[in-house]
Each structure stands twice: as structure tokens, then as C-alpha cells.
N, C-alpha and C. Protein backbone atom coordinates (compact mmCIF):
# COMPACT_ATOMS: atom_id res chain seq x y z
N MET A 1 202.19 196.44 33.20
CA MET A 1 201.76 194.98 32.97
C MET A 1 200.73 194.57 34.10
N ARG A 2 199.67 193.85 33.63
CA ARG A 2 198.86 193.70 35.34
C ARG A 2 199.22 192.18 35.07
N SER A 3 198.86 191.53 36.14
CA SER A 3 198.87 190.13 36.32
C SER A 3 197.49 189.35 36.18
N VAL A 4 197.46 188.33 35.45
CA VAL A 4 196.28 187.86 35.02
C VAL A 4 196.02 186.46 35.50
N ARG A 5 195.36 186.40 36.39
CA ARG A 5 194.98 184.73 37.23
C ARG A 5 193.76 183.84 36.18
N HIS A 6 194.96 182.63 36.52
CA HIS A 6 194.34 181.78 35.31
C HIS A 6 193.20 180.75 35.90
N PRO A 7 192.09 180.83 35.52
CA PRO A 7 190.65 180.50 35.96
C PRO A 7 191.13 178.92 36.36
N GLN A 8 191.98 177.99 36.20
CA GLN A 8 192.08 176.27 36.85
C GLN A 8 193.02 176.81 38.28
N VAL A 9 193.39 177.97 38.27
CA VAL A 9 193.91 178.27 39.97
C VAL A 9 193.12 178.96 41.05
N PRO A 10 192.94 178.18 41.77
CA PRO A 10 192.14 178.71 43.01
C PRO A 10 192.55 179.46 43.33
N ALA A 11 192.09 180.78 43.94
CA ALA A 11 192.55 181.65 45.08
C ALA A 11 192.76 181.22 46.21
N ARG A 12 193.61 181.65 47.17
CA ARG A 12 193.75 181.04 48.59
C ARG A 12 192.66 181.81 49.41
N VAL A 13 192.13 180.77 50.33
CA VAL A 13 191.31 181.22 51.24
C VAL A 13 191.60 181.52 52.28
N PRO A 14 191.76 182.71 53.10
CA PRO A 14 191.91 182.96 54.60
C PRO A 14 191.31 181.68 55.39
N ALA A 15 192.55 181.69 56.50
CA ALA A 15 192.28 180.71 57.54
C ALA A 15 190.93 180.86 58.03
N GLN A 16 190.36 181.98 58.43
CA GLN A 16 189.16 182.21 58.97
C GLN A 16 187.94 182.32 58.61
N SER A 17 188.04 181.92 57.05
CA SER A 17 186.47 181.75 56.18
C SER A 17 186.79 180.20 55.95
N ARG A 18 187.64 179.54 55.93
CA ARG A 18 187.36 178.16 55.58
C ARG A 18 186.28 177.38 56.71
N ARG A 19 185.75 176.42 56.03
CA ARG A 19 184.67 175.90 56.76
C ARG A 19 185.55 174.73 58.01
N PRO A 20 185.01 174.75 58.81
CA PRO A 20 185.65 173.33 59.55
C PRO A 20 185.48 172.14 59.31
N ALA A 21 186.89 171.45 59.63
CA ALA A 21 186.66 169.85 58.90
C ALA A 21 185.66 168.98 59.47
N ALA A 22 185.22 168.18 58.36
CA ALA A 22 183.83 167.27 58.75
C ALA A 22 184.76 166.34 59.94
N PRO A 23 184.10 166.03 60.96
CA PRO A 23 183.92 165.28 61.84
C PRO A 23 184.59 163.77 61.35
N ARG A 24 185.70 162.86 62.11
CA ARG A 24 186.11 162.16 61.71
C ARG A 24 184.94 161.13 61.99
N ARG A 25 185.12 159.87 60.95
CA ARG A 25 184.24 158.82 61.25
C ARG A 25 185.10 157.68 61.70
N LEU A 26 184.99 156.77 62.73
CA LEU A 26 185.10 155.70 62.94
C LEU A 26 185.23 154.83 61.63
N PRO A 27 186.11 154.01 61.42
CA PRO A 27 186.14 152.86 60.12
C PRO A 27 185.31 151.73 60.28
N ARG A 28 184.97 151.60 59.18
CA ARG A 28 184.02 150.55 59.15
C ARG A 28 184.49 149.24 58.54
N PRO A 29 185.45 148.59 59.06
CA PRO A 29 185.87 147.56 58.38
C PRO A 29 184.90 146.49 57.74
N LYS A 30 185.04 145.79 56.84
CA LYS A 30 184.25 144.79 56.04
C LYS A 30 185.34 143.35 56.21
N LEU A 31 184.78 142.65 56.91
CA LEU A 31 185.41 141.61 56.82
C LEU A 31 184.55 140.42 56.06
N THR A 32 185.38 139.21 55.80
CA THR A 32 184.41 138.06 55.14
C THR A 32 183.88 137.28 56.34
N GLY A 33 183.05 136.20 56.06
CA GLY A 33 182.97 135.11 56.74
C GLY A 33 184.38 134.36 57.87
N PHE A 34 184.82 134.11 56.80
CA PHE A 34 186.02 133.82 57.72
C PHE A 34 187.33 135.08 58.42
N GLY A 35 187.13 136.22 57.91
CA GLY A 35 187.70 136.98 58.62
C GLY A 35 186.98 137.35 59.73
N ALA A 36 186.22 137.21 59.73
CA ALA A 36 185.13 137.65 61.30
C ALA A 36 185.33 136.66 62.31
N GLY A 37 185.20 135.54 61.87
CA GLY A 37 185.22 134.81 62.64
C GLY A 37 186.87 134.14 63.09
N LEU A 38 187.83 134.55 62.77
CA LEU A 38 189.19 134.60 62.89
C LEU A 38 189.44 135.60 63.78
N PHE A 39 188.57 137.35 63.34
CA PHE A 39 189.03 138.46 64.24
C PHE A 39 188.48 138.12 65.60
N ALA A 40 187.14 137.57 65.95
CA ALA A 40 186.62 137.01 66.87
C ALA A 40 187.31 135.87 67.77
N CYS A 41 187.73 135.06 66.92
CA CYS A 41 188.57 133.69 68.23
C CYS A 41 189.79 134.83 68.21
N LEU A 42 190.48 135.21 67.70
CA LEU A 42 192.09 136.09 67.96
C LEU A 42 191.43 137.03 69.26
N ALA A 43 190.24 137.86 69.13
CA ALA A 43 189.75 138.78 70.23
C ALA A 43 189.76 138.37 71.35
N MET A 44 188.76 137.01 71.56
CA MET A 44 188.35 136.78 72.39
C MET A 44 189.62 135.79 73.42
N LEU A 45 190.75 135.36 72.51
CA LEU A 45 191.97 134.85 73.16
C LEU A 45 192.40 135.77 73.81
N LEU A 46 192.72 136.75 73.40
CA LEU A 46 193.28 138.28 73.82
C LEU A 46 192.64 138.46 75.25
N VAL A 47 191.04 138.33 75.09
CA VAL A 47 190.34 138.93 76.37
C VAL A 47 191.27 137.90 77.33
N ALA A 48 190.78 136.66 76.86
CA ALA A 48 190.84 135.52 78.04
C ALA A 48 192.06 136.02 78.37
N GLY A 49 193.37 136.50 78.30
CA GLY A 49 194.57 136.43 78.36
C GLY A 49 194.75 137.71 79.40
N VAL A 50 193.73 138.90 78.89
CA VAL A 50 194.13 140.01 79.82
C VAL A 50 192.76 139.31 81.25
N CYS A 51 192.05 138.69 81.33
CA CYS A 51 191.11 138.53 82.19
C CYS A 51 191.91 137.28 82.89
N ARG A 52 192.72 136.44 82.55
CA ARG A 52 193.82 136.05 83.10
C ARG A 52 194.55 136.97 84.15
N LEU A 53 195.48 137.54 83.37
CA LEU A 53 196.51 138.77 83.88
C LEU A 53 195.48 139.48 85.06
N LEU A 54 194.16 140.26 84.79
CA LEU A 54 193.98 141.48 85.62
C LEU A 54 192.74 141.01 86.38
N PHE A 55 191.87 140.22 85.98
CA PHE A 55 191.04 139.82 87.31
C PHE A 55 191.04 138.39 87.71
N GLY A 56 192.26 137.70 87.89
CA GLY A 56 192.29 136.25 88.00
C GLY A 56 191.15 135.19 87.51
N SER A 57 191.17 135.03 86.01
CA SER A 57 190.60 133.92 85.31
C SER A 57 189.14 134.28 85.47
N SER A 58 188.31 135.22 85.91
CA SER A 58 187.18 135.69 85.91
C SER A 58 186.31 135.06 84.62
N LEU A 59 185.46 134.56 84.92
CA LEU A 59 184.28 134.14 83.64
C LEU A 59 183.21 135.36 83.49
N PHE A 60 182.90 135.65 84.71
CA PHE A 60 182.03 136.91 85.05
C PHE A 60 183.03 137.93 84.05
N ALA A 61 183.85 138.56 83.96
CA ALA A 61 184.85 139.72 83.16
C ALA A 61 184.42 139.10 81.51
N TYR A 62 185.36 137.71 81.47
CA TYR A 62 185.42 137.00 80.20
C TYR A 62 183.91 137.19 79.23
N GLY A 63 182.62 137.13 80.03
CA GLY A 63 181.48 137.41 79.18
C GLY A 63 180.95 138.18 78.98
N LEU A 64 181.27 139.04 79.83
CA LEU A 64 180.71 140.76 79.89
C LEU A 64 181.96 141.29 78.66
N LEU A 65 182.63 140.51 78.86
CA LEU A 65 183.48 141.25 77.05
C LEU A 65 183.47 140.63 76.10
N PHE A 66 182.62 139.78 76.35
CA PHE A 66 182.23 138.66 74.95
C PHE A 66 181.49 139.48 74.37
N LEU A 67 180.09 140.05 74.94
CA LEU A 67 179.38 140.94 74.25
C LEU A 67 179.81 142.09 73.26
N PRO A 68 180.70 142.93 73.25
CA PRO A 68 181.32 143.86 72.40
C PRO A 68 181.81 143.30 71.07
N VAL A 69 182.69 142.45 71.72
CA VAL A 69 183.09 141.41 70.16
C VAL A 69 182.30 140.62 69.71
N SER A 70 181.28 140.03 70.34
CA SER A 70 179.80 139.83 69.45
C SER A 70 179.49 141.07 68.92
N ALA A 71 178.83 141.55 69.03
CA ALA A 71 178.51 143.04 68.80
C ALA A 71 179.57 143.33 67.34
N ALA A 72 180.60 143.53 67.44
CA ALA A 72 181.60 143.80 66.51
C ALA A 72 181.68 142.63 65.59
N VAL A 73 181.58 141.82 65.58
CA VAL A 73 181.54 140.97 64.52
C VAL A 73 180.19 140.76 63.54
N GLY A 74 179.12 141.42 64.54
CA GLY A 74 177.82 141.44 63.73
C GLY A 74 177.98 142.81 62.70
N VAL A 75 178.74 144.01 63.37
CA VAL A 75 178.68 144.96 62.38
C VAL A 75 179.72 145.22 61.34
N TRP A 76 180.77 144.38 61.46
CA TRP A 76 182.01 144.03 60.78
C TRP A 76 181.69 143.51 59.89
N VAL A 77 181.09 142.24 59.65
CA VAL A 77 181.42 141.27 58.48
C VAL A 77 180.26 141.84 57.16
N ARG A 78 181.09 141.72 56.21
CA ARG A 78 180.30 142.20 55.45
C ARG A 78 179.18 141.67 54.65
N PRO A 79 177.79 142.23 53.71
CA PRO A 79 176.62 141.96 53.49
C PRO A 79 176.25 140.97 53.34
N ALA A 80 177.43 140.43 52.45
CA ALA A 80 177.22 139.08 51.74
C ALA A 80 177.56 137.98 52.62
N ASP A 81 177.90 137.91 53.71
CA ASP A 81 178.29 136.86 54.57
C ASP A 81 177.65 137.45 56.32
N LEU A 82 176.34 137.92 56.21
CA LEU A 82 176.27 138.16 57.58
C LEU A 82 175.60 137.13 58.08
N VAL A 83 175.11 135.64 57.46
CA VAL A 83 174.97 134.63 57.90
C VAL A 83 175.74 134.10 58.97
N THR A 84 176.79 134.57 58.68
CA THR A 84 178.17 133.62 59.57
C THR A 84 178.53 134.54 60.73
N ALA A 85 177.48 135.86 60.85
CA ALA A 85 178.06 136.58 62.47
C ALA A 85 177.58 135.36 63.33
N PRO A 86 176.48 134.96 63.53
CA PRO A 86 175.75 134.38 64.72
C PRO A 86 176.56 132.99 65.22
N ILE A 87 177.07 132.60 63.59
CA ILE A 87 177.75 131.20 63.98
C ILE A 87 179.25 131.33 64.30
N SER A 88 179.85 132.49 64.02
CA SER A 88 181.44 132.60 64.38
C SER A 88 181.51 133.08 65.82
N ALA A 89 180.36 133.80 66.31
CA ALA A 89 180.39 134.21 67.81
C ALA A 89 180.71 133.04 68.50
N PRO A 90 179.68 132.12 69.05
CA PRO A 90 179.89 130.82 70.05
C PRO A 90 181.16 130.46 69.50
N ILE A 91 181.66 130.22 68.54
CA ILE A 91 182.78 129.63 68.41
C ILE A 91 184.21 130.61 68.75
N ALA A 92 184.00 131.76 68.73
CA ALA A 92 185.21 132.59 69.09
C ALA A 92 184.80 132.44 70.66
N PHE A 93 183.57 132.47 71.67
CA PHE A 93 183.55 132.06 72.79
C PHE A 93 183.99 130.76 73.56
N ALA A 94 183.64 129.74 73.01
CA ALA A 94 184.57 128.38 72.90
C ALA A 94 186.02 128.48 72.58
N ALA A 95 186.49 128.77 72.11
CA ALA A 95 187.60 128.81 71.38
C ALA A 95 188.79 129.94 72.33
N GLY A 96 188.31 130.77 73.21
CA GLY A 96 188.84 131.44 73.81
C GLY A 96 188.55 131.62 75.76
N VAL A 97 187.84 130.52 75.49
CA VAL A 97 187.53 130.19 77.26
C VAL A 97 188.23 129.32 77.74
N TRP A 98 189.75 128.51 76.84
CA TRP A 98 190.34 127.74 77.48
C TRP A 98 191.04 128.19 78.67
N PRO A 99 191.40 129.62 78.27
CA PRO A 99 192.72 129.98 79.35
C PRO A 99 191.83 130.76 80.52
N VAL A 100 190.91 130.87 80.95
CA VAL A 100 190.06 131.36 82.12
C VAL A 100 189.15 130.21 82.75
N SER A 101 189.27 129.17 82.05
CA SER A 101 188.10 127.78 82.30
C SER A 101 188.69 127.52 83.77
N GLY A 102 189.65 127.22 84.32
CA GLY A 102 190.21 127.15 85.61
C GLY A 102 190.52 125.58 85.39
N GLY A 103 190.44 124.64 84.75
CA GLY A 103 190.87 123.34 84.37
C GLY A 103 192.46 122.94 85.27
N SER A 104 192.38 122.06 85.65
CA SER A 104 194.08 121.46 86.37
C SER A 104 194.16 120.07 86.24
N GLY A 105 195.21 119.62 85.97
CA GLY A 105 196.03 118.63 85.62
C GLY A 105 196.11 118.36 84.66
N GLY A 106 195.79 117.48 83.61
CA GLY A 106 196.33 116.89 82.71
C GLY A 106 195.47 117.37 81.28
N PHE A 107 195.47 116.96 80.14
CA PHE A 107 194.56 116.86 79.26
C PHE A 107 192.94 117.09 79.62
N GLY A 108 192.52 116.07 80.25
CA GLY A 108 191.37 115.72 81.09
C GLY A 108 190.82 116.56 81.92
N GLY A 109 191.91 117.52 82.85
CA GLY A 109 191.09 118.03 83.69
C GLY A 109 190.94 119.49 83.10
N GLN A 110 191.90 119.93 82.27
CA GLN A 110 191.87 120.88 81.47
C GLN A 110 190.54 121.03 80.57
N LEU A 111 190.04 119.54 79.78
CA LEU A 111 189.08 119.93 78.82
C LEU A 111 187.61 119.62 80.05
N MET A 112 187.62 119.66 80.93
CA MET A 112 186.39 118.92 81.83
C MET A 112 186.24 120.64 82.45
N GLY A 113 187.37 121.49 82.92
CA GLY A 113 187.16 122.86 82.97
C GLY A 113 186.68 123.70 81.82
N VAL A 114 187.18 123.57 81.10
CA VAL A 114 186.39 124.10 79.60
C VAL A 114 185.08 123.81 79.52
N VAL A 115 184.67 122.19 79.52
CA VAL A 115 183.04 122.21 79.16
C VAL A 115 182.49 122.71 80.49
N SER A 116 182.81 122.51 81.68
CA SER A 116 182.23 123.13 82.54
C SER A 116 182.10 124.96 83.10
N ALA A 117 183.34 125.26 82.26
CA ALA A 117 182.83 126.92 81.99
C ALA A 117 181.75 127.29 81.12
N LEU A 118 182.06 126.24 79.96
CA LEU A 118 181.03 126.90 78.86
C LEU A 118 179.42 126.29 79.09
N SER A 119 179.19 125.43 79.96
CA SER A 119 177.90 124.77 80.37
C SER A 119 177.52 126.11 81.65
N LEU A 120 178.42 126.42 82.68
CA LEU A 120 178.02 127.16 83.66
C LEU A 120 177.91 128.43 83.26
N HIS A 121 178.30 129.19 82.21
CA HIS A 121 178.47 130.52 81.64
C HIS A 121 177.90 130.87 80.16
N ALA A 122 176.67 129.53 79.81
CA ALA A 122 176.26 129.48 78.56
C ALA A 122 175.12 130.58 78.40
N GLY A 123 174.95 131.39 79.36
CA GLY A 123 173.90 132.96 79.62
C GLY A 123 174.88 133.67 78.61
N TRP A 124 176.22 134.22 78.99
CA TRP A 124 176.42 135.21 78.05
C TRP A 124 176.62 134.26 76.77
N LEU A 125 177.08 132.80 76.38
CA LEU A 125 177.53 132.29 74.88
C LEU A 125 176.01 133.15 74.23
N TYR A 126 174.55 132.60 75.12
CA TYR A 126 173.63 132.86 74.26
C TYR A 126 173.52 134.43 74.35
N ALA A 127 173.57 135.36 75.16
CA ALA A 127 173.38 136.84 75.00
C ALA A 127 174.70 137.83 74.00
N GLY A 128 175.92 137.15 73.91
CA GLY A 128 176.83 137.18 72.35
C GLY A 128 176.05 136.72 71.01
N THR A 129 175.80 135.53 71.26
CA THR A 129 175.13 135.11 69.81
C THR A 129 173.91 135.35 69.74
N LEU A 130 172.93 135.96 70.54
CA LEU A 130 172.24 136.75 69.99
C LEU A 130 172.45 138.31 69.51
N ALA A 131 172.91 138.46 70.43
CA ALA A 131 173.37 140.17 70.01
C ALA A 131 174.08 139.91 68.42
N ALA A 132 175.18 139.73 68.05
CA ALA A 132 175.44 139.34 67.04
C ALA A 132 174.31 138.73 65.79
N GLY A 133 173.11 137.71 66.00
CA GLY A 133 172.21 137.79 65.19
C GLY A 133 171.46 138.62 64.83
N LEU A 134 171.04 139.55 65.88
CA LEU A 134 170.05 140.65 65.95
C LEU A 134 170.88 141.73 65.13
N ILE A 135 172.05 141.99 65.31
CA ILE A 135 172.72 142.80 64.24
C ILE A 135 172.53 142.74 62.98
N ALA A 136 173.41 141.46 62.72
CA ALA A 136 172.91 140.79 61.26
C ALA A 136 171.61 140.95 60.40
N LEU A 137 170.87 140.29 61.51
CA LEU A 137 169.23 140.68 60.85
C LEU A 137 168.92 142.22 60.63
N VAL A 138 169.16 143.19 61.44
CA VAL A 138 168.93 143.99 61.03
C VAL A 138 169.33 144.78 59.73
N ARG A 139 170.86 144.47 59.57
CA ARG A 139 171.74 145.01 58.47
C ARG A 139 170.80 144.32 57.48
N ARG A 140 170.58 142.99 57.49
CA ARG A 140 170.11 142.21 56.58
C ARG A 140 168.65 142.79 56.18
N ALA A 141 168.05 143.02 56.80
CA ALA A 141 166.49 143.85 56.58
C ALA A 141 166.65 145.09 56.13
N ALA A 142 167.33 145.86 56.68
CA ALA A 142 168.00 147.41 55.82
C ALA A 142 168.26 147.25 54.65
N LEU A 143 169.30 146.13 54.21
CA LEU A 143 169.78 145.86 53.03
C LEU A 143 168.79 145.47 52.09
N SER A 144 168.05 144.87 52.42
CA SER A 144 166.73 144.18 51.79
C SER A 144 165.88 145.60 51.08
N GLY A 145 165.68 146.27 52.35
CA GLY A 145 164.61 147.58 52.23
C GLY A 145 165.29 148.62 50.91
N ARG A 146 166.80 148.78 51.68
CA ARG A 146 167.33 149.64 50.22
C ARG A 146 166.68 148.93 48.80
N LYS A 147 167.17 147.77 48.37
CA LYS A 147 167.42 147.18 47.43
C LYS A 147 165.84 147.02 46.79
N ARG A 148 164.92 146.51 47.37
CA ARG A 148 163.39 146.67 47.02
C ARG A 148 163.13 148.54 46.80
N ALA A 149 163.69 149.63 47.18
CA ALA A 149 163.44 151.03 47.24
C ALA A 149 164.16 151.40 45.94
N ALA A 150 165.17 150.92 45.78
CA ALA A 150 165.89 151.49 44.51
C ALA A 150 165.21 150.36 43.31
N ARG A 151 164.81 149.02 43.32
CA ARG A 151 164.19 148.59 42.48
C ARG A 151 162.73 148.91 41.74
N GLN A 152 161.82 149.38 42.95
CA GLN A 152 160.72 150.44 42.82
C GLN A 152 160.91 151.61 41.91
N GLN A 153 161.99 152.35 42.45
CA GLN A 153 162.12 153.68 42.13
C GLN A 153 162.88 153.21 40.45
N ARG A 154 163.45 152.44 40.03
CA ARG A 154 163.77 152.42 38.36
C ARG A 154 162.46 151.87 38.20
N ALA A 155 161.38 150.93 38.58
CA ALA A 155 160.64 150.42 37.85
C ALA A 155 159.20 151.69 37.70
N ARG A 156 159.52 153.06 38.34
CA ARG A 156 158.87 154.02 38.29
C ARG A 156 159.14 155.35 37.44
N ALA A 157 160.78 154.59 37.00
CA ALA A 157 161.33 155.72 36.28
C ALA A 157 161.34 154.92 34.87
N ALA A 158 161.26 153.90 34.59
CA ALA A 158 160.93 153.07 33.22
C ALA A 158 159.80 153.52 32.56
N TYR A 159 158.48 153.69 33.41
CA TYR A 159 157.38 153.90 32.93
C TYR A 159 157.25 155.40 32.61
């Protein structure tokens, strides 16, 4: 008797002739506006803790690490909430600056340290906010362009 192969059972392919697997892509999380703000605040608190432990409360290192967090917020926020990216970035900067602000004394001294850190390092704050805003703006323009192209294609197909 001959063995008959069923058409739904694929034949085994030797390992040498298989195509290599596609390279893994980085995850593309989509955060809501609230989630993006919460992510940014928690990330900046973590960054502030690391800066305090490793760099001795260096506001330069804190500001430098604020830029990738702002960019991540701009990239990871979902398209419906793009307007929240440049809003949540400065809130996160202000929320995380407290551990590295260098205030001393009681509540008043801590508050003065935070206000001084915010005013003296506003350049980092503006740069991160600008990065999040530009990324959100470019994403919004690309989304609008794709929608317009799809609408024009449907109009052409209708005629």
C-alpha cells in the first residue's frame, strides 16, 4: 500500500531552506493621555532618583534624561490623545525635579529649591516640551495625510 498525503497537512521543510525569521520590532505601546502623563511622571521620578544616587543631584543629568522621556511620550501616546503629549511633559519635569532640587530646611526651603530648579533649568523644560510637541505634530500631520489619501482613493473608486 502506498501512503497518501493529505492536502491540509504541510510537508516538513528542511531547516536549511527555511527563510530567516523577520527581525523583531520594538513594541509600540499606545498610551491614553492620562497614561502618557502618568508614565512620564513616574519615569521622571525614577530618573530623579537615579540622578540623586549616581550624579549627586545633578540637574544637568536630570534635564538631559528628560529629553528621551519627552520623546517617548510623544511617540507612545495614542493618536486620539496627541494633544496631551506637550502638556504632560512639563508636568512630569516639575513632578520629578523635587528629589534633585537641592532645597534644604522645611517645606518652605524645599519649595524654594523646586522653584529655583524650575526657573534655572527652564531650557531643558522647553526643549523636552518642544520635542514632545513636534513629535505629536508630525504624527498628527502624517495621520491627517493618510486619512486624506484614503478619502481621495474612495472618491476615485466611487466614480
